[in-house]
């Protein structure tokens, strides 16, 4: 079994299938949460989820990150870009080192 899976909308995940990566096509938040739980239960090490659906599941994603060994990463989707992955990385780095390492401001 692959250690990597991608959860997202059909038009986005097709390219991942071509690379031999397990994909879960979803159409709504309920399906996304179901597939996220399935991926964790199947012990995927790296779970990528498009921000199209991740924004509504942030509390669950944070909970699973703390409770499991899976690395859940938010990636851009095919729809509007919300920059959730960068925001999440900023939160984690600030918590770890007390400084915003991701800031676009160079001062």
N, C-alpha and C. Protein backbone atom coordinates (compact mmCIF):
# COMPACT_ATOMS: atom_id res chain seq x y z
N UNK A 1 0.84 -1.19 0.00
CA UNK A 1 0.00 0.00 0.00
C UNK A 1 0.88 1.25 0.00
N UNK A 2 0.42 2.24 -0.68
CA UNK A 2 1.13 3.52 -0.74
C UNK A 2 1.10 4.21 0.61
N UNK A 3 2.10 4.99 0.88
CA UNK A 3 2.13 5.75 2.13
C UNK A 3 1.51 7.12 1.95
N UNK A 4 1.16 7.47 0.71
CA UNK A 4 0.66 8.80 0.39
C UNK A 4 -0.73 8.70 -0.22
N UNK A 5 -1.61 9.62 0.18
CA UNK A 5 -2.90 9.74 -0.48
C UNK A 5 -3.28 11.21 -0.61
N UNK A 6 -4.15 11.48 -1.57
CA UNK A 6 -4.63 12.83 -1.82
C UNK A 6 -6.15 12.80 -1.80
N UNK A 7 -6.74 13.76 -1.08
CA UNK A 7 -8.19 13.88 -0.98
C UNK A 7 -8.57 15.21 -1.61
N UNK A 8 -9.47 15.17 -2.59
CA UNK A 8 -9.87 16.42 -3.22
C UNK A 8 -10.87 16.25 -4.35
N UNK A 9 -11.11 17.35 -5.04
CA UNK A 9 -12.07 17.37 -6.13
C UNK A 9 -11.51 16.65 -7.36
N UNK A 10 -12.42 16.08 -8.15
CA UNK A 10 -12.06 15.20 -9.26
C UNK A 10 -11.04 15.82 -10.22
N UNK A 11 -11.28 17.04 -10.66
CA UNK A 11 -10.40 17.63 -11.67
C UNK A 11 -8.99 17.89 -11.13
N UNK A 12 -8.82 17.89 -9.84
CA UNK A 12 -7.50 18.12 -9.26
C UNK A 12 -6.74 16.81 -9.02
N UNK A 13 -7.43 15.80 -8.56
CA UNK A 13 -6.73 14.58 -8.15
C UNK A 13 -6.33 13.67 -9.30
N UNK A 14 -6.85 13.91 -10.49
CA UNK A 14 -6.53 13.05 -11.63
C UNK A 14 -5.02 13.02 -11.91
N UNK A 15 -4.35 14.15 -11.77
CA UNK A 15 -2.90 14.17 -12.03
C UNK A 15 -2.15 13.32 -11.00
N UNK A 16 -2.64 13.24 -9.78
CA UNK A 16 -1.99 12.43 -8.75
C UNK A 16 -2.15 10.94 -9.06
N UNK A 17 -3.29 10.56 -9.62
CA UNK A 17 -3.50 9.17 -9.99
C UNK A 17 -2.47 8.72 -11.01
N UNK A 18 -2.14 9.61 -11.92
CA UNK A 18 -1.14 9.31 -12.94
C UNK A 18 0.23 9.02 -12.36
N UNK A 19 0.47 9.49 -11.16
CA UNK A 19 1.75 9.24 -10.48
C UNK A 19 1.71 7.98 -9.62
N UNK A 20 0.57 7.31 -9.61
CA UNK A 20 0.44 6.07 -8.83
C UNK A 20 0.11 6.31 -7.36
N UNK A 21 -0.33 7.50 -7.04
CA UNK A 21 -0.69 7.84 -5.66
C UNK A 21 -2.17 7.57 -5.44
N UNK A 22 -2.51 7.02 -4.30
CA UNK A 22 -3.91 6.73 -3.97
C UNK A 22 -4.66 8.05 -3.84
N UNK A 23 -5.82 8.11 -4.49
CA UNK A 23 -6.62 9.33 -4.43
C UNK A 23 -8.03 9.01 -3.95
N UNK A 24 -8.62 9.98 -3.29
CA UNK A 24 -10.01 9.90 -2.86
C UNK A 24 -10.74 11.10 -3.44
N UNK A 25 -11.64 10.86 -4.39
CA UNK A 25 -12.41 11.94 -4.97
C UNK A 25 -13.59 12.26 -4.05
N UNK A 26 -13.77 13.55 -3.77
CA UNK A 26 -14.86 13.98 -2.91
C UNK A 26 -15.62 15.12 -3.59
N UNK A 27 -16.89 15.26 -3.19
CA UNK A 27 -17.73 16.31 -3.76
C UNK A 27 -18.30 17.26 -2.73
N UNK A 28 -18.11 16.93 -1.45
CA UNK A 28 -18.65 17.78 -0.40
C UNK A 28 -17.90 17.54 0.91
N UNK A 29 -18.24 18.31 1.93
CA UNK A 29 -17.54 18.23 3.21
C UNK A 29 -17.75 16.87 3.88
N UNK A 30 -18.97 16.34 3.82
CA UNK A 30 -19.25 15.05 4.47
C UNK A 30 -18.38 13.94 3.87
N UNK A 31 -18.29 13.90 2.55
CA UNK A 31 -17.44 12.90 1.89
C UNK A 31 -15.97 13.11 2.26
N UNK A 32 -15.57 14.36 2.34
CA UNK A 32 -14.18 14.68 2.67
C UNK A 32 -13.84 14.17 4.06
N UNK A 33 -14.70 14.43 5.03
CA UNK A 33 -14.44 13.96 6.39
C UNK A 33 -14.41 12.44 6.45
N UNK A 34 -15.31 11.80 5.72
CA UNK A 34 -15.34 10.34 5.68
C UNK A 34 -14.02 9.78 5.11
N UNK A 35 -13.56 10.35 4.01
CA UNK A 35 -12.32 9.87 3.37
C UNK A 35 -11.09 10.21 4.21
N UNK A 36 -11.12 11.33 4.91
CA UNK A 36 -10.03 11.68 5.81
C UNK A 36 -9.91 10.66 6.92
N UNK A 37 -11.03 10.32 7.52
CA UNK A 37 -11.04 9.29 8.57
C UNK A 37 -10.59 7.94 8.03
N UNK A 38 -11.03 7.59 6.82
CA UNK A 38 -10.62 6.33 6.20
C UNK A 38 -9.10 6.32 5.98
N UNK A 39 -8.55 7.42 5.49
CA UNK A 39 -7.10 7.50 5.23
C UNK A 39 -6.31 7.34 6.53
N UNK A 40 -6.79 7.94 7.60
CA UNK A 40 -6.11 7.81 8.90
C UNK A 40 -6.22 6.37 9.39
N UNK A 41 -7.41 5.78 9.28
CA UNK A 41 -7.61 4.40 9.72
C UNK A 41 -6.77 3.41 8.91
N UNK A 42 -6.54 3.73 7.63
CA UNK A 42 -5.71 2.86 6.79
C UNK A 42 -4.22 3.17 6.96
N UNK A 43 -3.93 4.08 7.88
CA UNK A 43 -2.56 4.41 8.29
C UNK A 43 -1.68 4.98 7.18
N UNK A 44 -2.26 5.85 6.36
CA UNK A 44 -1.44 6.58 5.39
C UNK A 44 -0.54 7.53 6.16
N UNK A 45 0.73 7.55 5.82
CA UNK A 45 1.69 8.41 6.51
C UNK A 45 1.50 9.87 6.13
N UNK A 46 1.26 10.12 4.83
CA UNK A 46 1.12 11.48 4.34
C UNK A 46 -0.23 11.62 3.65
N UNK A 47 -1.04 12.52 4.19
CA UNK A 47 -2.38 12.76 3.65
C UNK A 47 -2.43 14.21 3.18
N UNK A 48 -2.65 14.38 1.89
CA UNK A 48 -2.80 15.72 1.33
C UNK A 48 -4.28 15.95 1.07
N UNK A 49 -4.78 17.10 1.50
CA UNK A 49 -6.19 17.42 1.33
C UNK A 49 -6.29 18.82 0.74
N UNK A 50 -7.11 18.96 -0.30
CA UNK A 50 -7.20 20.27 -0.95
C UNK A 50 -7.92 21.26 -0.06
N UNK A 51 -7.48 22.51 -0.16
CA UNK A 51 -8.06 23.55 0.69
C UNK A 51 -9.51 23.84 0.33
N UNK A 52 -9.96 23.36 -0.82
CA UNK A 52 -11.37 23.53 -1.20
C UNK A 52 -12.28 22.99 -0.10
N UNK A 53 -11.88 21.88 0.51
CA UNK A 53 -12.70 21.27 1.55
C UNK A 53 -12.06 21.34 2.94
N UNK A 54 -10.77 21.55 3.00
CA UNK A 54 -10.07 21.53 4.29
C UNK A 54 -10.49 22.66 5.21
N UNK A 55 -10.89 23.81 4.65
CA UNK A 55 -11.22 24.95 5.51
C UNK A 55 -12.35 24.65 6.48
N UNK A 56 -13.29 23.81 6.08
CA UNK A 56 -14.41 23.45 6.96
C UNK A 56 -14.04 22.35 7.95
N UNK A 57 -12.88 21.72 7.75
CA UNK A 57 -12.47 20.61 8.60
C UNK A 57 -11.23 20.92 9.43
N UNK A 58 -10.85 22.18 9.53
CA UNK A 58 -9.62 22.52 10.25
C UNK A 58 -9.57 21.99 11.69
N UNK A 59 -10.66 22.10 12.46
CA UNK A 59 -10.60 21.54 13.83
C UNK A 59 -10.33 20.03 13.82
N UNK A 60 -10.96 19.31 12.91
CA UNK A 60 -10.75 17.86 12.81
C UNK A 60 -9.33 17.54 12.35
N UNK A 61 -8.83 18.29 11.41
CA UNK A 61 -7.46 18.09 10.93
C UNK A 61 -6.47 18.31 12.06
N UNK A 62 -6.65 19.38 12.82
CA UNK A 62 -5.76 19.65 13.96
C UNK A 62 -5.83 18.52 14.99
N UNK A 63 -7.04 18.03 15.26
CA UNK A 63 -7.22 16.93 16.22
C UNK A 63 -6.49 15.67 15.74
N UNK A 64 -6.68 15.32 14.47
CA UNK A 64 -6.03 14.12 13.94
C UNK A 64 -4.52 14.25 13.92
N UNK A 65 -4.03 15.45 13.68
CA UNK A 65 -2.59 15.69 13.68
C UNK A 65 -1.99 15.41 15.05
N UNK A 66 -2.72 15.74 16.10
CA UNK A 66 -2.25 15.51 17.46
C UNK A 66 -2.41 14.05 17.89
N UNK A 67 -3.44 13.38 17.39
CA UNK A 67 -3.78 12.04 17.86
C UNK A 67 -3.20 10.90 17.04
N UNK A 68 -2.69 11.18 15.86
CA UNK A 68 -2.20 10.11 14.98
C UNK A 68 -0.78 10.41 14.51
N UNK A 69 -0.20 9.44 13.85
CA UNK A 69 1.14 9.65 13.29
C UNK A 69 1.09 10.11 11.85
N UNK A 70 -0.11 10.32 11.32
CA UNK A 70 -0.27 10.80 9.95
C UNK A 70 0.09 12.28 9.85
N UNK A 71 0.77 12.63 8.76
CA UNK A 71 1.09 14.02 8.47
C UNK A 71 0.02 14.52 7.50
N UNK A 72 -0.85 15.40 7.97
CA UNK A 72 -1.95 15.90 7.14
C UNK A 72 -1.58 17.30 6.67
N UNK A 73 -1.50 17.46 5.35
CA UNK A 73 -1.06 18.71 4.76
C UNK A 73 -2.13 19.26 3.84
N UNK A 74 -2.38 20.55 3.96
CA UNK A 74 -3.37 21.22 3.12
C UNK A 74 -2.64 21.76 1.89
N UNK A 75 -3.20 21.43 0.72
CA UNK A 75 -2.61 21.87 -0.54
C UNK A 75 -3.64 22.68 -1.33
N UNK A 76 -3.19 23.51 -2.25
CA UNK A 76 -4.15 24.28 -3.05
C UNK A 76 -5.06 23.35 -3.84
N UNK A 77 -6.29 23.78 -4.04
CA UNK A 77 -7.23 23.00 -4.84
C UNK A 77 -7.40 23.63 -6.21
N UNK A 78 -8.37 23.15 -6.95
CA UNK A 78 -8.59 23.67 -8.29
C UNK A 78 -9.51 24.87 -8.29
N UNK A 79 -10.11 25.15 -7.17
CA UNK A 79 -11.00 26.31 -7.08
C UNK A 79 -10.24 27.48 -6.47
N UNK A 80 -10.94 28.41 -5.87
CA UNK A 80 -10.32 29.61 -5.30
C UNK A 80 -9.21 29.26 -4.30
N UNK A 81 -8.13 30.00 -4.37
CA UNK A 81 -6.98 29.78 -3.47
C UNK A 81 -7.20 30.55 -2.17
N UNK A 82 -7.10 29.83 -1.06
CA UNK A 82 -7.34 30.42 0.25
C UNK A 82 -6.08 30.52 1.08
N UNK A 83 -4.98 29.93 0.62
CA UNK A 83 -3.69 29.99 1.31
C UNK A 83 -3.72 29.33 2.69
N UNK A 84 -4.59 28.32 2.85
CA UNK A 84 -4.73 27.64 4.14
C UNK A 84 -3.48 26.87 4.53
N UNK A 85 -2.81 26.27 3.57
CA UNK A 85 -1.59 25.51 3.87
C UNK A 85 -0.52 26.39 4.46
N UNK A 86 -0.33 27.57 3.88
CA UNK A 86 0.67 28.51 4.39
C UNK A 86 0.27 29.01 5.78
N UNK A 87 -1.00 29.30 5.97
CA UNK A 87 -1.47 29.75 7.28
C UNK A 87 -1.23 28.68 8.34
N UNK A 88 -1.51 27.43 7.99
CA UNK A 88 -1.31 26.32 8.94
C UNK A 88 0.17 26.15 9.28
N UNK A 89 1.03 26.23 8.26
CA UNK A 89 2.47 26.14 8.49
C UNK A 89 2.95 27.29 9.37
N UNK A 90 2.40 28.47 9.17
CA UNK A 90 2.75 29.63 10.00
C UNK A 90 2.39 29.38 11.46
N UNK A 91 1.18 28.84 11.71
CA UNK A 91 0.75 28.54 13.08
C UNK A 91 1.69 27.53 13.75
N UNK A 92 2.05 26.49 13.00
CA UNK A 92 2.91 25.45 13.56
C UNK A 92 4.29 26.01 13.87
N UNK A 93 4.86 26.80 12.97
CA UNK A 93 6.20 27.35 13.21
C UNK A 93 6.20 28.35 14.37
N UNK A 94 5.14 29.15 14.47
CA UNK A 94 5.06 30.10 15.59
C UNK A 94 4.97 29.36 16.92
N UNK A 95 4.22 28.27 16.93
CA UNK A 95 4.08 27.49 18.16
C UNK A 95 5.40 26.81 18.52
N UNK A 96 6.11 26.33 17.51
CA UNK A 96 7.36 25.60 17.75
C UNK A 96 8.51 26.50 18.19
N UNK A 97 8.68 27.63 17.52
CA UNK A 97 9.84 28.48 17.81
C UNK A 97 9.50 29.88 18.30
N UNK A 98 8.20 30.20 18.33
CA UNK A 98 7.79 31.50 18.84
C UNK A 98 7.95 32.65 17.86
N UNK A 99 8.25 32.33 16.61
CA UNK A 99 8.48 33.37 15.60
C UNK A 99 7.78 32.96 14.31
N UNK A 100 7.25 33.94 13.59
CA UNK A 100 6.64 33.68 12.29
C UNK A 100 7.75 33.55 11.25
N UNK A 101 8.09 32.32 10.89
CA UNK A 101 9.15 32.06 9.91
C UNK A 101 8.65 32.15 8.48
N UNK A 102 7.36 32.24 8.29
CA UNK A 102 6.76 32.19 6.97
C UNK A 102 6.38 33.58 6.43
N UNK A 103 6.53 34.57 7.24
CA UNK A 103 6.10 35.92 6.88
C UNK A 103 6.69 36.38 5.56
N UNK A 104 5.87 37.04 4.76
CA UNK A 104 6.35 37.61 3.50
C UNK A 104 7.10 38.90 3.75
N UNK A 105 6.89 39.50 4.89
CA UNK A 105 7.56 40.74 5.26
C UNK A 105 8.99 40.42 5.69
N UNK A 106 9.97 41.01 5.06
CA UNK A 106 11.38 40.70 5.35
C UNK A 106 11.97 41.53 6.46
N UNK A 107 11.18 42.34 7.13
CA UNK A 107 11.75 43.17 8.19
C UNK A 107 11.83 42.48 9.52
